[in-house]
Amino acid sequence: MTEAAEKSVVMVTGGSGLVGSAIRDYVTANPKENQEWVFLSSKDGDLRDRKATEAIFEKFKPTHVIHLAAKVGGLFANMAQKVEFYRENTLINDNIMELCRITNVKKLVSMLSTCIFPDKTTYPIDETMLHDGPPHPSNEGYAYAKRLIDTMNRAYAEEYGCNFTSIIPTNIYGPHDNFSIQNGHVIPGLIHKCYIAKRDNTPFTIWGSGTPLRQFIYSGDLAALTVWVMREYHSPDPITLSVDEAAEVSIKTVALAVAKAMKFEGDVVFDTEKADGQFKKTACNKKLRSYRPDYEFVGIEEGIQKSVDWFLENYETCRK
């Protein structure tokens, strides 16, 4: 076989975001011979549009695809635009999956989310419980569009022999995140809020009691495990990429770690007038551990320190 024939091209949709940037950093540090990586952004074309998606596949000719692109938004956007969240994500996913089939892509890895699990469930949640009941009504448009990826992975495997699978990460954080206090996730929002409190010499105020528990995965770990899934995990059934249950931490622990990393010495205040949200949504990573029993995750304090350092270095240009 010639060298050209052995070459693989891995195309990452949504390649400029939090996870795509982490994958780029990981494969730059851990290159593999004859493997080219292409990181798409919205500038490369509209994945909702079939013709635009066909043009992307024709241009880059991927042999492998990691599909991260999605229409995403906060709670209020999801509640107000259920039709758009369902339709646009379904169009994106359908175009990617069908073109992977038509062009004989060797492997497709799509990213799901723990928010697509049933609203009423027992904990810890695992991969087998994905379709056990309806998702929370607030994000059902998004959730059902994402759930269909799991359904179609098995259908494509059964009917066409396609090697399609999906990953389910828990709460992700790290460099290149969206540090918006209003629209960002917990850790980047707290980092930005603590930065402002330190700058203005005001209290660092956290909404809620700080008691809810979450599992946070550092984006560098998620990148390493996603690349491993692409290369080594070959089942249409999804796999949860999460830290261990024992690594679940309270929002208070996270807030204090942010204050420490930011070298904030003012008052840390928990505004208990604000709602806490869901107390916990623990995920089981037993399936991942059956394959990767010795994988060592970045600890929450180290990950937060790295995230704070990146935020401070990139304050002028980062999303906030």
Protein backbone atom coordinates (compact mmCIF):
# COMPACT_ATOMS: atom_id res chain seq x y z
CA MET A 1 0.00 0.00 0.00
CA THR A 2 1.34 3.43 -0.87
CA GLU A 3 1.97 6.15 1.68
CA ALA A 4 -0.77 8.29 0.10
CA ALA A 5 -3.31 5.49 0.51
CA GLU A 6 -2.51 5.14 4.21
CA LYS A 7 -2.99 8.82 4.95
CA SER A 8 -6.06 9.72 7.00
CA VAL A 9 -7.80 13.08 7.18
CA VAL A 10 -9.70 13.79 10.40
CA MET A 11 -12.26 16.58 10.06
CA VAL A 12 -13.56 18.22 13.24
CA THR A 13 -16.85 20.13 12.91
CA GLY A 14 -17.24 22.94 15.43
CA GLY A 15 -13.46 22.92 15.54
CA SER A 16 -12.92 26.43 16.91
CA GLY A 17 -14.80 26.04 20.20
CA LEU A 18 -13.84 24.77 23.65
CA VAL A 19 -13.53 21.07 22.74
CA GLY A 20 -12.29 21.57 19.17
CA SER A 21 -9.48 23.85 20.42
CA ALA A 22 -8.51 21.27 23.06
CA ILE A 23 -8.38 18.51 20.42
CA ARG A 24 -6.19 20.75 18.25
CA ASP A 25 -3.79 21.26 21.19
CA TYR A 26 -3.78 17.52 21.94
CA VAL A 27 -3.02 16.32 18.40
CA THR A 28 -0.38 19.02 17.97
CA ALA A 29 1.37 17.66 21.08
CA ASN A 30 0.69 14.01 20.13
CA PRO A 31 1.00 13.83 16.33
CA LYS A 32 0.41 10.59 14.45
CA GLU A 33 2.21 9.82 11.21
CA ASN A 34 0.12 10.21 8.03
CA GLN A 35 -2.77 11.82 9.91
CA GLU A 36 -3.93 15.26 8.82
CA TRP A 37 -6.39 17.27 10.94
CA VAL A 38 -8.91 19.79 9.63
CA PHE A 39 -10.73 22.04 12.12
CA LEU A 40 -13.87 23.60 10.68
CA SER A 41 -15.50 26.80 11.86
CA SER A 42 -18.75 28.43 10.73
CA LYS A 43 -16.68 30.33 8.14
CA ASP A 44 -16.14 27.05 6.23
CA GLY A 45 -19.82 26.67 5.42
CA ASP A 46 -23.32 26.22 6.85
CA LEU A 47 -23.74 22.59 7.96
CA ARG A 48 -27.53 23.05 8.00
CA ASP A 49 -27.35 23.36 4.22
CA ARG A 50 -26.90 20.11 2.26
CA LYS A 51 -25.06 21.70 -0.68
CA ALA A 52 -22.68 23.59 1.60
CA THR A 53 -21.96 20.40 3.55
CA GLU A 54 -21.36 18.45 0.32
CA ALA A 55 -18.86 21.14 -0.73
CA ILE A 56 -17.01 20.79 2.58
CA PHE A 57 -16.72 17.00 2.19
CA GLU A 58 -15.59 17.41 -1.42
CA LYS A 59 -12.96 19.98 -0.44
CA PHE A 60 -11.39 18.16 2.53
CA LYS A 61 -12.21 14.50 1.68
CA PRO A 62 -12.22 13.34 5.32
CA THR A 63 -11.60 9.70 6.20
CA HIS A 64 -12.66 10.31 9.83
CA VAL A 65 -15.03 12.89 11.34
CA ILE A 66 -15.39 14.18 14.90
CA HIS A 67 -18.74 15.99 14.96
CA LEU A 68 -18.92 18.72 17.62
CA ALA A 69 -20.94 21.36 15.74
CA ALA A 70 -24.42 22.14 17.08
CA LYS A 71 -26.86 24.96 17.66
CA VAL A 72 -26.47 25.53 21.40
CA GLY A 73 -27.78 28.09 23.85
CA GLY A 74 -28.69 28.78 27.44
CA LEU A 75 -31.87 27.91 29.30
CA PHE A 76 -33.98 30.79 28.02
CA ALA A 77 -32.94 30.38 24.39
CA ASN A 78 -33.79 26.66 24.57
CA MET A 79 -37.20 27.43 26.06
CA ALA A 80 -38.03 30.12 23.51
CA GLN A 81 -36.78 28.37 20.35
CA LYS A 82 -37.58 24.67 20.68
CA VAL A 83 -38.47 24.37 16.99
CA GLU A 84 -35.20 25.97 15.86
CA PHE A 85 -33.08 23.91 18.28
CA TYR A 86 -34.73 20.72 17.04
CA ARG A 87 -34.76 21.54 13.30
CA GLU A 88 -31.31 23.08 12.97
CA ASN A 89 -29.56 20.36 14.95
CA THR A 90 -31.45 17.65 13.08
CA LEU A 91 -30.44 19.19 9.74
CA ILE A 92 -26.78 19.46 10.80
CA ASN A 93 -26.67 15.90 12.09
CA ASP A 94 -28.49 14.43 9.11
CA ASN A 95 -26.15 16.13 6.64
CA ILE A 96 -23.02 15.00 8.49
CA MET A 97 -24.18 11.39 8.98
CA GLU A 98 -25.48 10.88 5.45
CA LEU A 99 -22.37 12.38 3.84
CA CYS A 100 -20.15 10.23 6.05
CA ARG A 101 -22.07 7.23 4.67
CA ILE A 102 -21.98 8.37 1.03
CA THR A 103 -18.25 9.21 1.10
CA ASN A 104 -17.31 6.04 3.02
CA VAL A 105 -15.90 7.83 6.06
CA LYS A 106 -14.22 5.15 8.19
CA LYS A 107 -15.29 6.53 11.56
CA LEU A 108 -17.72 9.18 12.82
CA VAL A 109 -17.69 10.28 16.46
CA SER A 110 -20.54 12.66 17.45
CA MET A 111 -20.77 14.56 20.74
CA LEU A 112 -23.93 14.30 22.83
CA SER A 113 -24.62 15.89 26.24
CA THR A 114 -25.83 14.76 29.67
CA CYS A 115 -28.71 17.26 29.41
CA ILE A 116 -30.42 14.91 26.93
CA PHE A 117 -31.01 12.24 29.60
CA PRO A 118 -34.50 11.71 31.04
CA ASP A 119 -35.65 14.45 33.40
CA LYS A 120 -36.98 11.96 35.95
CA THR A 121 -34.33 9.32 36.51
CA THR A 122 -32.22 7.57 39.13
CA TYR A 123 -28.53 8.29 39.70
CA PRO A 124 -25.90 7.62 38.63
CA ILE A 125 -27.02 7.84 35.00
CA ASP A 126 -25.34 5.64 32.40
CA GLU A 127 -25.43 5.08 28.66
CA THR A 128 -28.28 2.52 28.81
CA MET A 129 -30.73 5.07 30.30
CA LEU A 130 -30.66 7.60 27.47
CA HIS A 131 -34.14 6.81 26.11
CA ASP A 132 -35.86 5.80 29.37
CA GLY A 133 -38.11 8.87 29.55
CA PRO A 134 -38.61 12.40 28.20
CA PRO A 135 -35.90 15.02 28.75
CA HIS A 136 -36.56 18.16 30.78
CA PRO A 137 -39.27 20.19 28.96
CA SER A 138 -37.03 23.28 28.87
CA ASN A 139 -34.62 21.79 26.32
CA GLU A 140 -36.66 19.06 24.63
CA GLY A 141 -36.07 20.43 21.11
CA TYR A 142 -32.29 20.20 21.50
CA ALA A 143 -32.41 16.96 23.49
CA TYR A 144 -34.51 14.97 21.02
CA ALA A 145 -32.36 16.12 18.08
CA LYS A 146 -29.27 14.89 19.93
CA ARG A 147 -30.90 11.63 21.05
CA LEU A 148 -31.62 10.82 17.41
CA ILE A 149 -27.86 10.68 16.76
CA ASP A 150 -27.70 7.67 19.09
CA THR A 151 -30.67 6.03 17.37
CA MET A 152 -29.20 6.63 13.91
CA ASN A 153 -25.70 5.41 14.84
CA ARG A 154 -27.20 1.95 15.41
CA ALA A 155 -29.41 2.20 12.31
CA TYR A 156 -26.46 3.13 10.07
CA ALA A 157 -24.39 0.28 11.54
CA GLU A 158 -27.21 -2.22 11.04
CA GLU A 159 -28.22 -1.18 7.52
CA TYR A 160 -24.95 0.04 6.00
CA GLY A 161 -22.19 -1.29 8.28
CA CYS A 162 -21.08 2.27 9.18
CA ASN A 163 -18.66 2.76 12.08
CA PHE A 164 -20.55 5.61 13.79
CA THR A 165 -20.56 6.22 17.55
CA SER A 166 -21.13 9.00 20.11
CA ILE A 167 -19.60 10.37 23.30
CA ILE A 168 -21.42 11.84 26.30
CA PRO A 169 -19.23 14.26 28.29
CA THR A 170 -20.15 15.72 31.67
CA ASN A 171 -19.57 19.44 32.43
CA ILE A 172 -16.61 20.63 30.33
CA TYR A 173 -14.32 23.55 31.20
CA GLY A 174 -10.90 24.84 30.17
CA PRO A 175 -9.07 27.27 27.86
CA HIS A 176 -11.01 28.74 24.88
CA ASP A 177 -14.28 28.55 26.85
CA ASN A 178 -17.03 31.16 26.75
CA PHE A 179 -16.40 33.23 29.89
CA SER A 180 -19.67 35.16 29.69
CA ILE A 181 -21.21 35.65 33.13
CA GLN A 182 -24.72 35.62 31.62
CA ASN A 183 -24.42 32.85 29.01
CA GLY A 184 -21.32 30.86 29.97
CA HIS A 185 -21.17 27.65 31.96
CA VAL A 186 -20.46 27.48 35.69
CA ILE A 187 -16.67 27.53 35.88
CA PRO A 188 -15.91 30.12 33.15
CA GLY A 189 -18.71 32.32 34.50
CA LEU A 190 -17.25 32.15 38.02
CA ILE A 191 -13.75 32.89 36.70
CA HIS A 192 -14.94 36.06 34.97
CA LYS A 193 -17.03 37.08 37.98
CA CYS A 194 -14.06 36.60 40.34
CA TYR A 195 -11.82 38.62 38.00
CA ILE A 196 -14.26 41.55 38.16
CA ALA A 197 -14.59 41.27 41.97
CA LYS A 198 -10.79 41.39 42.33
CA ARG A 199 -10.46 44.28 39.86
CA ASP A 200 -13.24 46.34 41.50
CA ASN A 201 -12.42 45.33 45.09
CA THR A 202 -15.97 44.01 45.62
CA PRO A 203 -17.23 40.71 47.11
CA PHE A 204 -17.11 37.59 44.90
CA THR A 205 -20.81 36.69 44.87
CA ILE A 206 -21.95 33.22 43.82
CA TRP A 207 -25.61 32.61 43.00
CA GLY A 208 -27.20 29.95 45.20
CA SER A 209 -26.02 28.07 48.27
CA GLY A 210 -23.04 26.38 46.62
CA THR A 211 -24.26 22.92 47.68
CA PRO A 212 -25.18 21.38 44.26
CA LEU A 213 -22.77 18.70 43.04
CA ARG A 214 -21.29 18.36 39.55
CA GLN A 215 -18.69 16.29 37.68
CA PHE A 216 -16.34 18.55 35.71
CA ILE A 217 -14.03 17.26 32.98
CA TYR A 218 -11.07 19.37 31.90
CA SER A 219 -11.14 20.02 28.15
CA GLY A 220 -7.65 18.55 27.71
CA ASP A 221 -8.85 15.24 29.17
CA LEU A 222 -11.96 15.24 27.01
CA ALA A 223 -9.79 15.89 23.93
CA ALA A 224 -7.44 12.98 24.72
CA LEU A 225 -10.36 10.61 25.34
CA THR A 226 -12.26 11.76 22.23
CA VAL A 227 -9.22 11.01 20.05
CA TRP A 228 -8.92 7.63 21.78
CA VAL A 229 -12.61 6.91 20.98
CA MET A 230 -11.97 7.77 17.34
CA ARG A 231 -8.96 5.47 17.13
CA GLU A 232 -9.87 2.60 19.46
CA TYR A 233 -13.57 2.42 20.43
CA HIS A 234 -15.66 0.77 17.72
CA SER A 235 -19.25 0.28 18.87
CA PRO A 236 -22.34 2.26 17.85
CA ASP A 237 -23.38 2.40 21.52
CA PRO A 238 -22.45 5.69 23.22
CA ILE A 239 -19.73 6.01 25.85
CA THR A 240 -19.78 8.49 28.74
CA LEU A 241 -16.55 10.49 29.10
CA SER A 242 -16.49 11.64 32.70
CA VAL A 243 -14.37 11.82 35.80
CA ASP A 244 -15.17 9.22 38.47
CA GLU A 245 -18.18 9.60 40.75
CA ALA A 246 -15.77 10.21 43.63
CA ALA A 247 -14.50 13.32 41.81
CA GLU A 248 -17.92 15.01 41.98
CA VAL A 249 -17.52 18.41 43.68
CA SER A 250 -19.81 21.09 45.08
CA ILE A 251 -20.20 24.49 43.44
CA LYS A 252 -18.80 25.94 46.68
CA THR A 253 -15.60 23.89 46.26
CA VAL A 254 -15.31 25.14 42.68
CA ALA A 255 -15.89 28.78 43.68
CA LEU A 256 -13.23 28.61 46.39
CA ALA A 257 -10.80 27.00 43.93
CA VAL A 258 -11.47 29.84 41.48
CA ALA A 259 -10.82 32.43 44.23
CA LYS A 260 -7.56 30.69 45.14
CA ALA A 261 -6.39 30.44 41.52
CA MET A 262 -7.25 34.13 40.95
CA LYS A 263 -5.44 35.07 44.20
CA PHE A 264 -8.64 36.78 45.32
CA GLU A 265 -8.47 37.81 48.98
CA GLY A 266 -11.83 39.58 49.37
CA ASP A 267 -15.13 38.22 50.69
CA VAL A 268 -16.72 35.18 49.04
CA VAL A 269 -20.52 35.43 49.36
CA PHE A 270 -23.22 32.87 48.50
CA ASP A 271 -26.49 34.56 47.51
CA THR A 272 -29.04 32.02 48.80
CA GLU A 273 -31.89 34.15 47.44
CA LYS A 274 -30.95 32.75 44.00
CA ALA A 275 -32.07 29.27 42.96
CA ASP A 276 -29.63 26.35 43.11
CA GLY A 277 -30.97 24.42 40.15
CA GLN A 278 -30.70 20.63 40.01
CA PHE A 279 -28.88 19.29 43.08
CA LYS A 280 -26.92 16.65 41.19
CA LYS A 281 -26.83 14.72 37.91
CA THR A 282 -24.17 12.13 38.65
CA ALA A 283 -22.92 10.12 35.67
CA CYS A 284 -21.37 6.65 35.84
CA ASN A 285 -18.10 6.16 33.92
CA LYS A 286 -17.86 2.39 34.53
CA LYS A 287 -17.91 1.68 30.78
CA LEU A 288 -14.99 4.08 30.16
CA ARG A 289 -13.07 2.56 33.08
CA SER A 290 -13.52 -0.92 31.61
CA TYR A 291 -11.41 0.27 28.66
CA ARG A 292 -9.20 2.86 30.38
CA PRO A 293 -8.83 1.75 34.02
CA ASP A 294 -5.61 3.70 34.59
CA TYR A 295 -6.50 7.00 32.91
CA GLU A 296 -5.55 9.89 35.22
CA PHE A 297 -7.80 12.94 35.02
CA VAL A 298 -6.62 16.49 35.69
CA GLY A 299 -7.78 17.38 39.21
CA ILE A 300 -10.29 20.20 39.68
CA GLU A 301 -7.82 22.60 41.36
CA GLU A 302 -5.15 22.07 38.69
CA GLY A 303 -7.72 22.41 35.89
CA ILE A 304 -9.16 25.60 37.35
CA GLN A 305 -5.66 27.07 37.78
CA LYS A 306 -4.89 26.32 34.11
CA SER A 307 -8.22 27.87 33.06
CA VAL A 308 -7.66 31.02 35.15
CA ASP A 309 -4.12 31.40 33.80
CA TRP A 310 -5.40 31.10 30.21
CA PHE A 311 -8.23 33.59 30.88
CA LEU A 312 -5.80 36.16 32.30
CA GLU A 313 -3.37 35.72 29.39
CA ASN A 314 -6.18 36.00 26.81
CA TYR A 315 -8.51 38.43 28.57
CA GLU A 316 -8.64 40.95 25.69
CA THR A 317 -9.55 38.43 22.98
CA CYS A 318 -11.43 35.57 24.69
CA ARG A 319 -15.21 35.08 24.48
CA LYS A 320 -16.85 36.86 27.41
